[in-house]
Amino acid sequence: MSRRIVIIQGHPDSHEGHFCRALADVYAKAAAAAGHQVKVVEVAGLDFPVLRSKDDWERGKPVAAIRQAQETIGWAQHLVIVYPLWLGGLPALLKAFLEQVLRPGFALSQPGEGKPWTKLLKGRSARIVVTMGMPAIFYRWYFGAHSLRSFERNILGFCGIGPISESLVGMIESKDPGRREKWLSKMREFGKDGS
């Protein structure tokens, strides 16, 4: 079954040599070859301000780049979010992007004071792909994958996105070419399946 897939390339450096880009690219090519519709949002290439107040998040008007990203995400059935682990969490630029995009009126709404938020992005699944220098098992078991769990529950889940799959790519600076090829092969399979 063909799916509408949006890849959010969350590496804040637009240089093409990053493994995040290679992972996203092989996923996109495999997905398109399998008949899925694919769009890409390159966070590093967008021009948008950082939110500085609750009022701006709730009532501010998003700039054109953010409105376009919202339209693209709204079109999607499945999101693939690729980013490097920086200081234990999301890079600041990706977090700023998510704060801008996932605002009331698009990602959620509050029908009235004291009433629960309505999740407006239900019906979309996601795959989070995180690259890191440490072994992935160390991040998951020693650190408890704290930032990943927070991202899933407090950001994506809060907007209704689910189910969410994870791909933790550890030891990214390893000189072993087999390690990288293994992950590129996995991403091709995920792309082919639209998962």
Protein backbone atom coordinates (compact mmCIF):
# COMPACT_ATOMS: atom_id res chain seq x y z
CA MET A 1 0.00 0.00 0.00
CA SER A 2 1.40 3.38 -1.03
CA ARG A 3 1.91 5.96 1.72
CA ARG A 4 2.50 9.70 1.85
CA ILE A 5 5.82 10.10 3.66
CA VAL A 6 7.55 13.24 4.90
CA ILE A 7 11.21 13.04 5.89
CA ILE A 8 12.27 15.75 8.32
CA GLN A 9 16.04 16.11 7.97
CA GLY A 10 16.86 17.52 11.39
CA HIS A 11 20.63 17.85 11.17
CA PRO A 12 21.31 21.57 11.71
CA ASP A 13 24.30 21.58 9.35
CA SER A 14 23.30 21.55 5.67
CA HIS A 15 26.67 20.03 4.62
CA GLU A 16 26.04 16.93 2.53
CA GLY A 17 28.65 14.72 4.18
CA HIS A 18 26.67 13.89 7.31
CA PHE A 19 25.49 10.33 7.88
CA CYS A 20 22.04 11.67 8.81
CA ARG A 21 21.73 12.86 5.22
CA ALA A 22 22.88 9.49 3.82
CA LEU A 23 20.31 7.66 5.97
CA ALA A 24 17.50 9.98 4.88
CA ASP A 25 18.54 9.83 1.23
CA VAL A 26 18.57 6.03 0.98
CA TYR A 27 15.21 5.89 2.77
CA ALA A 28 13.71 8.45 0.35
CA LYS A 29 15.03 6.67 -2.76
CA ALA A 30 13.82 3.25 -1.61
CA ALA A 31 10.42 4.62 -0.63
CA ALA A 32 9.94 6.38 -3.97
CA ALA A 33 11.08 3.27 -5.88
CA ALA A 34 8.47 1.24 -3.96
CA GLY A 35 5.71 3.62 -5.04
CA HIS A 36 5.39 5.78 -1.93
CA GLN A 37 5.02 9.55 -2.29
CA VAL A 38 7.92 11.29 -0.54
CA LYS A 39 8.56 14.89 0.47
CA VAL A 40 11.55 16.20 2.43
CA VAL A 41 11.77 19.09 4.90
CA GLU A 42 15.38 20.28 5.34
CA VAL A 43 15.36 22.10 8.68
CA ALA A 44 18.86 23.54 8.14
CA GLY A 45 17.66 25.33 5.00
CA LEU A 46 14.67 27.06 6.58
CA ASP A 47 14.61 30.65 7.80
CA PHE A 48 12.48 31.08 10.92
CA PRO A 49 12.77 32.84 14.29
CA VAL A 50 13.03 31.20 17.68
CA LEU A 51 9.88 31.41 19.79
CA ARG A 52 10.40 33.48 22.92
CA SER A 53 7.00 33.53 24.62
CA LYS A 54 3.92 31.43 25.29
CA ASP A 55 1.81 34.13 23.69
CA ASP A 56 3.82 33.91 20.47
CA TRP A 57 3.44 30.10 20.44
CA GLU A 58 -0.31 30.31 21.00
CA ARG A 59 -1.21 33.38 18.95
CA GLY A 60 1.76 34.31 16.77
CA LYS A 61 1.57 34.00 13.01
CA PRO A 62 4.05 31.47 11.60
CA VAL A 63 6.44 32.70 8.91
CA ALA A 64 6.13 31.34 5.35
CA ALA A 65 8.73 28.57 5.80
CA ILE A 66 6.86 27.23 8.83
CA ARG A 67 3.46 27.42 7.12
CA GLN A 68 4.91 25.44 4.19
CA ALA A 69 6.32 22.82 6.60
CA GLN A 70 2.93 22.57 8.33
CA GLU A 71 1.25 22.01 4.98
CA THR A 72 3.76 19.28 4.13
CA ILE A 73 3.37 17.57 7.52
CA GLY A 74 -0.41 17.85 7.26
CA TRP A 75 -0.23 15.98 3.94
CA ALA A 76 1.78 13.11 5.43
CA GLN A 77 0.61 9.77 6.69
CA HIS A 78 4.06 8.87 8.02
CA LEU A 79 6.92 11.03 9.31
CA VAL A 80 10.59 10.06 9.35
CA ILE A 81 12.59 12.37 11.61
CA VAL A 82 16.37 12.09 11.32
CA TYR A 83 18.79 13.92 13.63
CA PRO A 84 22.06 13.60 15.56
CA LEU A 85 22.06 13.37 19.34
CA TRP A 86 23.63 16.61 20.62
CA LEU A 87 24.27 17.16 24.32
CA GLY A 88 21.91 14.30 25.07
CA GLY A 89 18.94 15.57 23.06
CA LEU A 90 17.59 17.21 19.93
CA PRO A 91 19.78 19.84 18.25
CA ALA A 92 18.53 23.32 19.17
CA LEU A 93 17.54 24.15 15.59
CA LEU A 94 15.33 21.07 15.31
CA LYS A 95 13.71 21.81 18.67
CA ALA A 96 13.06 25.42 17.57
CA PHE A 97 11.53 24.10 14.33
CA LEU A 98 9.21 21.76 16.22
CA GLU A 99 8.14 24.56 18.57
CA GLN A 100 7.26 26.69 15.55
CA VAL A 101 5.47 23.96 13.57
CA LEU A 102 3.60 22.10 16.32
CA ARG A 103 1.56 25.01 17.58
CA PRO A 104 -2.12 25.43 18.45
CA GLY A 105 -4.39 25.44 15.44
CA PHE A 106 -2.19 22.99 13.56
CA ALA A 107 -0.94 20.26 15.90
CA LEU A 108 -3.42 20.66 18.74
CA SER A 109 -6.27 22.80 19.98
CA GLN A 110 -7.76 23.67 23.33
CA PRO A 111 -11.53 24.01 23.11
CA GLY A 112 -11.72 26.13 26.23
CA GLU A 113 -10.04 27.16 29.46
CA GLY A 114 -9.41 24.17 31.70
CA LYS A 115 -10.41 21.65 29.01
CA PRO A 116 -7.98 19.05 27.63
CA TRP A 117 -6.02 19.64 24.43
CA THR A 118 -7.34 17.99 21.26
CA LYS A 119 -4.67 16.14 19.29
CA LEU A 120 -4.94 17.27 15.67
CA LEU A 121 -2.24 15.06 14.10
CA LYS A 122 -3.86 11.71 14.84
CA GLY A 123 -3.62 9.13 12.09
CA ARG A 124 0.07 9.74 11.42
CA SER A 125 2.82 7.34 12.37
CA ALA A 126 6.50 8.16 12.76
CA ARG A 127 9.99 6.73 12.70
CA ILE A 128 12.67 8.57 14.68
CA VAL A 129 16.25 7.98 13.51
CA VAL A 130 18.92 9.22 15.91
CA THR A 131 22.66 9.06 15.25
CA MET A 132 25.14 9.23 18.13
CA GLY A 133 28.79 8.74 18.96
CA MET A 134 28.20 6.35 21.85
CA PRO A 135 26.92 2.79 21.52
CA ALA A 136 23.14 2.89 21.13
CA ILE A 137 22.69 0.33 23.89
CA PHE A 138 24.59 2.63 26.28
CA TYR A 139 22.26 5.53 25.43
CA ARG A 140 19.20 3.32 25.86
CA TRP A 141 20.17 1.47 29.04
CA TYR A 142 22.53 3.77 30.95
CA PHE A 143 20.88 7.08 30.05
CA GLY A 144 17.41 5.57 29.68
CA ALA A 145 17.01 7.20 26.23
CA HIS A 146 15.55 10.09 28.22
CA SER A 147 15.43 12.68 25.44
CA LEU A 148 14.00 10.19 22.94
CA ARG A 149 11.26 9.16 25.36
CA SER A 150 10.46 12.81 26.03
CA PHE A 151 10.33 13.56 22.29
CA GLU A 152 7.95 10.65 21.69
CA ARG A 153 5.64 11.28 24.63
CA ASN A 154 5.74 15.03 25.19
CA ILE A 155 6.02 16.28 21.62
CA LEU A 156 4.84 13.74 19.04
CA GLY A 157 2.41 11.86 21.28
CA PHE A 158 0.98 15.12 22.65
CA CYS A 159 -0.05 15.99 19.07
CA GLY A 160 -1.52 12.53 18.41
CA ILE A 161 1.28 11.05 16.31
CA GLY A 162 1.65 7.31 16.78
CA PRO A 163 2.68 4.56 16.63
CA ILE A 164 6.32 5.62 16.75
CA SER A 165 9.27 3.41 15.74
CA GLU A 166 12.87 4.10 16.73
CA SER A 167 16.19 3.52 15.02
CA LEU A 168 19.18 4.34 17.23
CA VAL A 169 22.39 4.47 15.19
CA GLY A 170 25.32 4.29 17.60
CA MET A 171 29.09 4.52 17.16
CA ILE A 172 28.58 6.85 14.21
CA GLU A 173 32.27 7.81 14.10
CA SER A 174 33.42 4.20 13.79
CA LYS A 175 35.84 3.56 10.93
CA ASP A 176 34.14 0.22 10.23
CA PRO A 177 32.41 0.66 6.83
CA GLY A 178 30.31 -2.44 7.50
CA ARG A 179 28.55 -0.69 10.39
CA ARG A 180 27.41 2.17 8.16
CA GLU A 181 26.40 -0.13 5.32
CA LYS A 182 24.31 -2.19 7.73
CA TRP A 183 22.34 0.93 8.70
CA LEU A 184 21.98 2.12 5.11
CA SER A 185 20.59 -1.31 4.24
CA LYS A 186 18.13 -1.13 7.14
CA MET A 187 16.97 2.32 6.04
CA ARG A 188 16.43 1.03 2.49
CA GLU A 189 14.18 -1.69 3.88
CA PHE A 190 12.26 0.80 6.05
CA GLY A 191 11.84 3.04 3.00
CA LYS A 192 10.64 0.19 0.82
CA ASP A 193 8.09 -0.74 3.48
CA GLY A 194 7.12 2.88 4.17
CA SER A 195 7.78 2.27 7.86
